């Protein structure tokens, strides 16, 4: 056996052993072909809220969202809830489609007024929760912190923020299919699910 062949075999063995060592305390991400440690995964579960869309099928994935710091938590699980885009989309004024929003999850664009104002308007319209999306569809990694606007107004329903990449694709798909809502489950517990087994949107990875 040549010296070069022996070196190649030794190198392959080192790589294999390293992969096994990482695999003991990590979760593989097949998209990047690297590893997310258990600590990183637990941090992900602790810091974010997850929800899934069940209808329409084109949007049927699990989504990650940043919870608001000024609203109650998602202490109630909503199964088969309707996600309704508000009119106006910014949710800053009177919600004209309040009859559709009542008892459902309001879907609101970022901008034009504070997060607190948006959630209060949705609450006044009868929404049971709010999902706010960035309007920048190119935003596929920056989660905005939804903080209090210091006006000391009380908010009684939960709210989360999602990336513009996800939010605008959801909105555009509903418009294309001529649907006025999506059906969602929120929050969903992914604690016992390996990240590579989650049905993530194909246009975005965590």
C-alpha atoms as a PDB file:
ATOM      1  CA  UNK A   1       0.000   0.000   0.000  1.00  0.00           C
ATOM      2  CA  UNK A   2       1.440   3.379  -1.018  1.00  0.00           C
ATOM      3  CA  UNK A   3       2.217   6.163   1.465  1.00  0.00           C
ATOM      4  CA  UNK A   4      -0.271   8.479  -0.331  1.00  0.00           C
ATOM      5  CA  UNK A   5      -3.091   5.946   0.004  1.00  0.00           C
ATOM      6  CA  UNK A   6      -2.381   5.499   3.714  1.00  0.00           C
ATOM      7  CA  UNK A   7      -2.540   9.277   4.216  1.00  0.00           C
ATOM      8  CA  UNK A   8      -5.926   9.434   2.460  1.00  0.00           C
ATOM      9  CA  UNK A   9      -7.305   6.622   4.638  1.00  0.00           C
ATOM     10  CA  UNK A  10      -6.075   8.311   7.816  1.00  0.00           C
ATOM     11  CA  UNK A  11      -7.645  11.617   6.772  1.00  0.00           C
ATOM     12  CA  UNK A  12     -10.975   9.931   6.073  1.00  0.00           C
ATOM     13  CA  UNK A  13     -10.885   8.226   9.475  1.00  0.00           C
ATOM     14  CA  UNK A  14     -10.250  11.538  11.235  1.00  0.00           C
ATOM     15  CA  UNK A  15     -13.207  13.168   9.498  1.00  0.00           C
ATOM     16  CA  UNK A  16     -15.452  10.201  10.310  1.00  0.00           C
ATOM     17  CA  UNK A  17     -14.504  10.225  14.005  1.00  0.00           C
ATOM     18  CA  UNK A  18     -15.045  13.990  14.207  1.00  0.00           C
ATOM     19  CA  UNK A  19     -18.517  13.630  12.709  1.00  0.00           C
ATOM     20  CA  UNK A  20     -19.413  10.926  15.202  1.00  0.00           C
ATOM     21  CA  UNK A  21     -18.198  13.095  18.071  1.00  0.00           C
ATOM     22  CA  UNK A  22     -20.304  16.016  16.919  1.00  0.00           C
ATOM     23  CA  UNK A  23     -23.293  13.792  16.354  1.00  0.00           C
ATOM     24  CA  UNK A  24     -23.443  12.704  19.992  1.00  0.00           C
ATOM     25  CA  UNK A  25     -24.564  16.151  21.159  1.00  0.00           C
ATOM     26  CA  UNK A  26     -25.829  17.841  18.025  1.00  0.00           C
ATOM     27  CA  UNK A  27     -28.673  17.963  15.547  1.00  0.00           C
ATOM     28  CA  UNK A  28     -27.740  17.827  11.875  1.00  0.00           C
ATOM     29  CA  UNK A  29     -28.948  20.527   9.521  1.00  0.00           C
ATOM     30  CA  UNK A  30     -28.940  18.854   6.082  1.00  0.00           C
ATOM     31  CA  UNK A  31     -29.352  22.145   4.232  1.00  0.00           C
ATOM     32  CA  UNK A  32     -26.013  23.505   5.359  1.00  0.00           C
ATOM     33  CA  UNK A  33     -24.531  20.061   6.013  1.00  0.00           C
ATOM     34  CA  UNK A  34     -23.311  21.261   9.414  1.00  0.00           C
ATOM     35  CA  UNK A  35     -24.373  20.822  13.016  1.00  0.00           C
ATOM     36  CA  UNK A  36     -26.553  22.705  15.473  1.00  0.00           C
ATOM     37  CA  UNK A  37     -25.489  21.918  19.020  1.00  0.00           C
ATOM     38  CA  UNK A  38     -27.967  20.920  21.700  1.00  0.00           C
ATOM     39  CA  UNK A  39     -27.306  24.250  23.438  1.00  0.00           C
ATOM     40  CA  UNK A  40     -28.092  26.192  20.249  1.00  0.00           C
ATOM     41  CA  UNK A  41     -31.223  24.145  19.663  1.00  0.00           C
ATOM     42  CA  UNK A  42     -32.471  24.701  23.222  1.00  0.00           C
ATOM     43  CA  UNK A  43     -31.816  28.423  22.815  1.00  0.00           C
ATOM     44  CA  UNK A  44     -33.871  28.361  19.610  1.00  0.00           C
ATOM     45  CA  UNK A  45     -36.776  26.710  21.418  1.00  0.00           C
ATOM     46  CA  UNK A  46     -36.570  29.132  24.347  1.00  0.00           C
ATOM     47  CA  UNK A  47     -36.314  32.371  22.400  1.00  0.00           C
ATOM     48  CA  UNK A  48     -38.869  31.844  19.633  1.00  0.00           C
ATOM     49  CA  UNK A  49     -42.496  30.899  19.049  1.00  0.00           C
ATOM     50  CA  UNK A  50     -43.362  28.398  16.324  1.00  0.00           C
ATOM     51  CA  UNK A  51     -46.533  28.019  14.321  1.00  0.00           C
ATOM     52  CA  UNK A  52     -47.608  25.979  11.343  1.00  0.00           C
ATOM     53  CA  UNK A  53     -49.880  26.656   8.427  1.00  0.00           C
ATOM     54  CA  UNK A  54     -52.113  23.733   7.475  1.00  0.00           C
ATOM     55  CA  UNK A  55     -54.001  25.449   4.634  1.00  0.00           C
ATOM     56  CA  UNK A  56     -53.418  26.309   1.852  1.00  0.00           C
ATOM     57  CA  UNK A  57     -51.085  23.455   0.996  1.00  0.00           C
ATOM     58  CA  UNK A  58     -48.647  25.800  -0.766  1.00  0.00           C
ATOM     59  CA  UNK A  59     -47.866  27.400   2.604  1.00  0.00           C
ATOM     60  CA  UNK A  60     -48.042  24.273   4.771  1.00  0.00           C
ATOM     61  CA  UNK A  61     -44.772  24.639   6.696  1.00  0.00           C
ATOM     62  CA  UNK A  62     -43.510  25.358  10.210  1.00  0.00           C
ATOM     63  CA  UNK A  63     -42.543  28.995  10.811  1.00  0.00           C
ATOM     64  CA  UNK A  64     -40.358  30.657  13.426  1.00  0.00           C
ATOM     65  CA  UNK A  65     -41.406  33.949  15.040  1.00  0.00           C
ATOM     66  CA  UNK A  66     -40.107  36.430  17.595  1.00  0.00           C
ATOM     67  CA  UNK A  67     -42.501  36.994  20.527  1.00  0.00           C
ATOM     68  CA  UNK A  68     -43.440  40.490  21.666  1.00  0.00           C
ATOM     69  CA  UNK A  69     -42.026  41.827  24.912  1.00  0.00           C
ATOM     70  CA  UNK A  70     -45.153  43.816  25.855  1.00  0.00           C
ATOM     71  CA  UNK A  71     -47.963  41.308  25.328  1.00  0.00           C
ATOM     72  CA  UNK A  72     -49.096  38.192  27.193  1.00  0.00           C
ATOM     73  CA  UNK A  73     -47.605  34.903  26.076  1.00  0.00           C
ATOM     74  CA  UNK A  74     -49.317  32.372  23.823  1.00  0.00           C
ATOM     75  CA  UNK A  75     -50.821  30.519  26.762  1.00  0.00           C
ATOM     76  CA  UNK A  76     -53.697  29.155  24.692  1.00  0.00           C
ATOM     77  CA  UNK A  77     -53.077  26.841  21.767  1.00  0.00           C
ATOM     78  CA  UNK A  78     -55.137  27.723  18.722  1.00  0.00           C
ATOM     79  CA  UNK A  79     -55.764  24.766  16.408  1.00  0.00           C
ATOM     80  CA  UNK A  80     -57.252  25.473  13.003  1.00  0.00           C
ATOM     81  CA  UNK A  81     -57.314  29.215  13.632  1.00  0.00           C
ATOM     82  CA  UNK A  82     -57.818  31.579  10.711  1.00  0.00           C
ATOM     83  CA  UNK A  83     -55.044  34.048   9.950  1.00  0.00           C
ATOM     84  CA  UNK A  84     -56.704  37.155   8.494  1.00  0.00           C
ATOM     85  CA  UNK A  85     -54.816  40.000   6.752  1.00  0.00           C
ATOM     86  CA  UNK A  86     -56.188  43.269   8.088  1.00  0.00           C
ATOM     87  CA  UNK A  87     -57.626  46.183   6.147  1.00  0.00           C
ATOM     88  CA  UNK A  88     -55.696  48.460   6.243  1.00  0.00           C
ATOM     89  CA  UNK A  89     -52.627  46.196   6.027  1.00  0.00           C
ATOM     90  CA  UNK A  90     -50.644  48.344   8.490  1.00  0.00           C
ATOM     91  CA  UNK A  91     -53.374  47.924  11.119  1.00  0.00           C
ATOM     92  CA  UNK A  92     -52.792  51.443  12.419  1.00  0.00           C
ATOM     93  CA  UNK A  93     -56.289  52.839  11.947  1.00  0.00           C
ATOM     94  CA  UNK A  94     -59.776  51.485  12.269  1.00  0.00           C
ATOM     95  CA  UNK A  95     -59.814  47.835  11.143  1.00  0.00           C
ATOM     96  CA  UNK A  96     -62.379  47.913   8.366  1.00  0.00           C
ATOM     97  CA  UNK A  97     -62.652  44.111   8.104  1.00  0.00           C
ATOM     98  CA  UNK A  98     -63.230  43.770  11.853  1.00  0.00           C
ATOM     99  CA  UNK A  99     -66.020  41.252  11.324  1.00  0.00           C
ATOM    100  CA  UNK A 100     -63.564  38.870   9.644  1.00  0.00           C
ATOM    101  CA  UNK A 101     -60.840  39.569  12.222  1.00  0.00           C
ATOM    102  CA  UNK A 102     -63.042  38.989  15.267  1.00  0.00           C
ATOM    103  CA  UNK A 103     -62.183  35.743  17.027  1.00  0.00           C
ATOM    104  CA  UNK A 104     -59.239  35.112  14.699  1.00  0.00           C
ATOM    105  CA  UNK A 105     -55.523  35.875  14.333  1.00  0.00           C
ATOM    106  CA  UNK A 106     -54.860  39.288  12.760  1.00  0.00           C
ATOM    107  CA  UNK A 107     -52.106  39.437  10.138  1.00  0.00           C
ATOM    108  CA  UNK A 108     -50.565  42.925  10.025  1.00  0.00           C
ATOM    109  CA  UNK A 109     -47.737  44.662   8.162  1.00  0.00           C
ATOM    110  CA  UNK A 110     -44.944  46.441   9.999  1.00  0.00           C
ATOM    111  CA  UNK A 111     -44.751  50.242   9.717  1.00  0.00           C
ATOM    112  CA  UNK A 112     -46.680  53.547  10.053  1.00  0.00           C
ATOM    113  CA  UNK A 113     -47.295  53.204  13.806  1.00  0.00           C
ATOM    114  CA  UNK A 114     -45.935  51.422  16.869  1.00  0.00           C
ATOM    115  CA  UNK A 115     -46.292  47.708  17.483  1.00  0.00           C
ATOM    116  CA  UNK A 116     -48.391  48.521  20.547  1.00  0.00           C
ATOM    117  CA  UNK A 117     -50.836  50.558  18.448  1.00  0.00           C
ATOM    118  CA  UNK A 118     -51.178  47.735  15.929  1.00  0.00           C
ATOM    119  CA  UNK A 119     -51.938  45.119  18.576  1.00  0.00           C
ATOM    120  CA  UNK A 120     -54.406  47.409  20.360  1.00  0.00           C
ATOM    121  CA  UNK A 121     -56.257  48.066  17.086  1.00  0.00           C
ATOM    122  CA  UNK A 122     -56.420  44.321  16.424  1.00  0.00           C
ATOM    123  CA  UNK A 123     -57.646  43.682  19.961  1.00  0.00           C
ATOM    124  CA  UNK A 124     -60.362  46.328  19.518  1.00  0.00           C
ATOM    125  CA  UNK A 125     -61.416  44.503  16.343  1.00  0.00           C
ATOM    126  CA  UNK A 126     -61.832  41.301  18.371  1.00  0.00           C
ATOM    127  CA  UNK A 127     -58.635  39.472  17.346  1.00  0.00           C
ATOM    128  CA  UNK A 128     -57.371  36.770  19.719  1.00  0.00           C
ATOM    129  CA  UNK A 129     -53.748  37.198  18.618  1.00  0.00           C
ATOM    130  CA  UNK A 130     -51.557  39.080  16.173  1.00  0.00           C
ATOM    131  CA  UNK A 131     -48.830  38.135  13.710  1.00  0.00           C
ATOM    132  CA  UNK A 132     -46.869  41.114  12.404  1.00  0.00           C
ATOM    133  CA  UNK A 133     -44.712  40.731   9.312  1.00  0.00           C
ATOM    134  CA  UNK A 134     -41.896  42.871   8.020  1.00  0.00           C
ATOM    135  CA  UNK A 135     -42.753  44.505   4.693  1.00  0.00           C
ATOM    136  CA  UNK A 136     -39.255  43.892   3.332  1.00  0.00           C
ATOM    137  CA  UNK A 137     -39.421  40.600   1.447  1.00  0.00           C
ATOM    138  CA  UNK A 138     -35.624  40.569   1.246  1.00  0.00           C
ATOM    139  CA  UNK A 139     -35.451  40.311   5.034  1.00  0.00           C
ATOM    140  CA  UNK A 140     -34.744  36.643   5.629  1.00  0.00           C
ATOM    141  CA  UNK A 141     -32.752  36.800   8.862  1.00  0.00           C
ATOM    142  CA  UNK A 142     -33.417  39.956  10.947  1.00  0.00           C
ATOM    143  CA  UNK A 143     -36.023  39.463  13.670  1.00  0.00           C
ATOM    144  CA  UNK A 144     -37.196  42.862  14.901  1.00  0.00           C
ATOM    145  CA  UNK A 145     -37.689  43.215  18.659  1.00  0.00           C
ATOM    146  CA  UNK A 146     -41.283  44.167  19.364  1.00  0.00           C
ATOM    147  CA  UNK A 147     -40.891  46.486  22.347  1.00  0.00           C
ATOM    148  CA  UNK A 148     -43.243  48.720  24.308  1.00  0.00           C
ATOM    149  CA  UNK A 149     -43.735  52.262  22.969  1.00  0.00           C
ATOM    150  CA  UNK A 150     -43.735  53.706  26.540  1.00  0.00           C
ATOM    151  CA  UNK A 151     -47.339  54.958  26.262  1.00  0.00           C
ATOM    152  CA  UNK A 152     -48.348  52.726  29.185  1.00  0.00           C
ATOM    153  CA  UNK A 153     -51.240  51.214  27.249  1.00  0.00           C
ATOM    154  CA  UNK A 154     -52.292  47.715  28.285  1.00  0.00           C
ATOM    155  CA  UNK A 155     -52.399  44.928  25.738  1.00  0.00           C
ATOM    156  CA  UNK A 156     -54.333  41.725  26.429  1.00  0.00           C
ATOM    157  CA  UNK A 157     -53.632  39.509  23.429  1.00  0.00           C
ATOM    158  CA  UNK A 158     -50.359  37.874  22.326  1.00  0.00           C
ATOM    159  CA  UNK A 159     -48.314  38.984  19.321  1.00  0.00           C
ATOM    160  CA  UNK A 160     -45.306  37.789  17.338  1.00  0.00           C
ATOM    161  CA  UNK A 161     -43.075  39.098  14.545  1.00  0.00           C
ATOM    162  CA  UNK A 162     -42.113  37.110  11.443  1.00  0.00           C
ATOM    163  CA  UNK A 163     -39.543  37.759   8.748  1.00  0.00           C
ATOM    164  CA  UNK A 164     -40.575  39.700   5.672  1.00  0.00           C
ATOM    165  CA  UNK A 165     -39.503  36.793   3.483  1.00  0.00           C
ATOM    166  CA  UNK A 166     -42.090  34.555   5.125  1.00  0.00           C
ATOM    167  CA  UNK A 167     -44.789  37.146   5.649  1.00  0.00           C
ATOM    168  CA  UNK A 168     -44.828  38.577   2.158  1.00  0.00           C
ATOM    169  CA  UNK A 169     -44.775  35.137   0.538  1.00  0.00           C
ATOM    170  CA  UNK A 170     -47.741  34.164   2.714  1.00  0.00           C
ATOM    171  CA  UNK A 171     -49.623  37.311   1.686  1.00  0.00           C
ATOM    172  CA  UNK A 172     -48.777  36.982  -1.988  1.00  0.00           C
ATOM    173  CA  UNK A 173     -49.784  33.319  -2.055  1.00  0.00           C
ATOM    174  CA  UNK A 174     -53.156  34.061  -0.457  1.00  0.00           C
ATOM    175  CA  UNK A 175     -53.739  36.789  -3.030  1.00  0.00           C
ATOM    176  CA  UNK A 176     -52.742  34.486  -5.884  1.00  0.00           C
ATOM    177  CA  UNK A 177     -55.128  31.792  -4.659  1.00  0.00           C
ATOM    178  CA  UNK A 178     -57.819  34.389  -3.972  1.00  0.00           C
ATOM    179  CA  UNK A 179     -58.097  33.337  -0.346  1.00  0.00           C
ATOM    180  CA  UNK A 180     -58.921  35.713   2.480  1.00  0.00           C
ATOM    181  CA  UNK A 181     -57.183  33.651   5.146  1.00  0.00           C
ATOM    182  CA  UNK A 182     -54.766  30.857   5.971  1.00  0.00           C
ATOM    183  CA  UNK A 183     -55.423  28.146   8.561  1.00  0.00           C
ATOM    184  CA  UNK A 184     -52.793  27.906  11.285  1.00  0.00           C
ATOM    185  CA  UNK A 185     -51.907  26.118  14.508  1.00  0.00           C
ATOM    186  CA  UNK A 186     -50.189  28.335  17.079  1.00  0.00           C
ATOM    187  CA  UNK A 187     -48.103  27.801  19.073  1.00  0.00           C
ATOM    188  CA  UNK A 188     -46.707  24.405  18.148  1.00  0.00           C
ATOM    189  CA  UNK A 189     -44.373  22.463  20.410  1.00  0.00           C
ATOM    190  CA  UNK A 190     -41.275  21.267  18.563  1.00  0.00           C
ATOM    191  CA  UNK A 191     -39.330  20.315  21.688  1.00  0.00           C
ATOM    192  CA  UNK A 192     -39.157  16.624  20.800  1.00  0.00           C
ATOM    193  CA  UNK A 193     -38.574  17.138  17.083  1.00  0.00           C
ATOM    194  CA  UNK A 194     -35.126  17.177  15.516  1.00  0.00           C
ATOM    195  CA  UNK A 195     -34.684  20.360  13.520  1.00  0.00           C
ATOM    196  CA  UNK A 196     -33.916  18.463  10.310  1.00  0.00           C
ATOM    197  CA  UNK A 197     -37.291  16.723  10.622  1.00  0.00           C
ATOM    198  CA  UNK A 198     -39.247  19.975  10.767  1.00  0.00           C
ATOM    199  CA  UNK A 199     -41.145  20.966   7.649  1.00  0.00           C
ATOM    200  CA  UNK A 200     -39.463  24.323   7.125  1.00  0.00           C
ATOM    201  CA  UNK A 201     -40.286  26.690   4.240  1.00  0.00           C
ATOM    202  CA  UNK A 202     -38.113  25.766   1.237  1.00  0.00           C
ATOM    203  CA  UNK A 203     -37.249  29.422   0.640  1.00  0.00           C
ATOM    204  CA  UNK A 204     -35.818  29.908   4.133  1.00  0.00           C
ATOM    205  CA  UNK A 205     -33.918  27.947   6.778  1.00  0.00           C
ATOM    206  CA  UNK A 206     -33.355  28.706  10.437  1.00  0.00           C
END
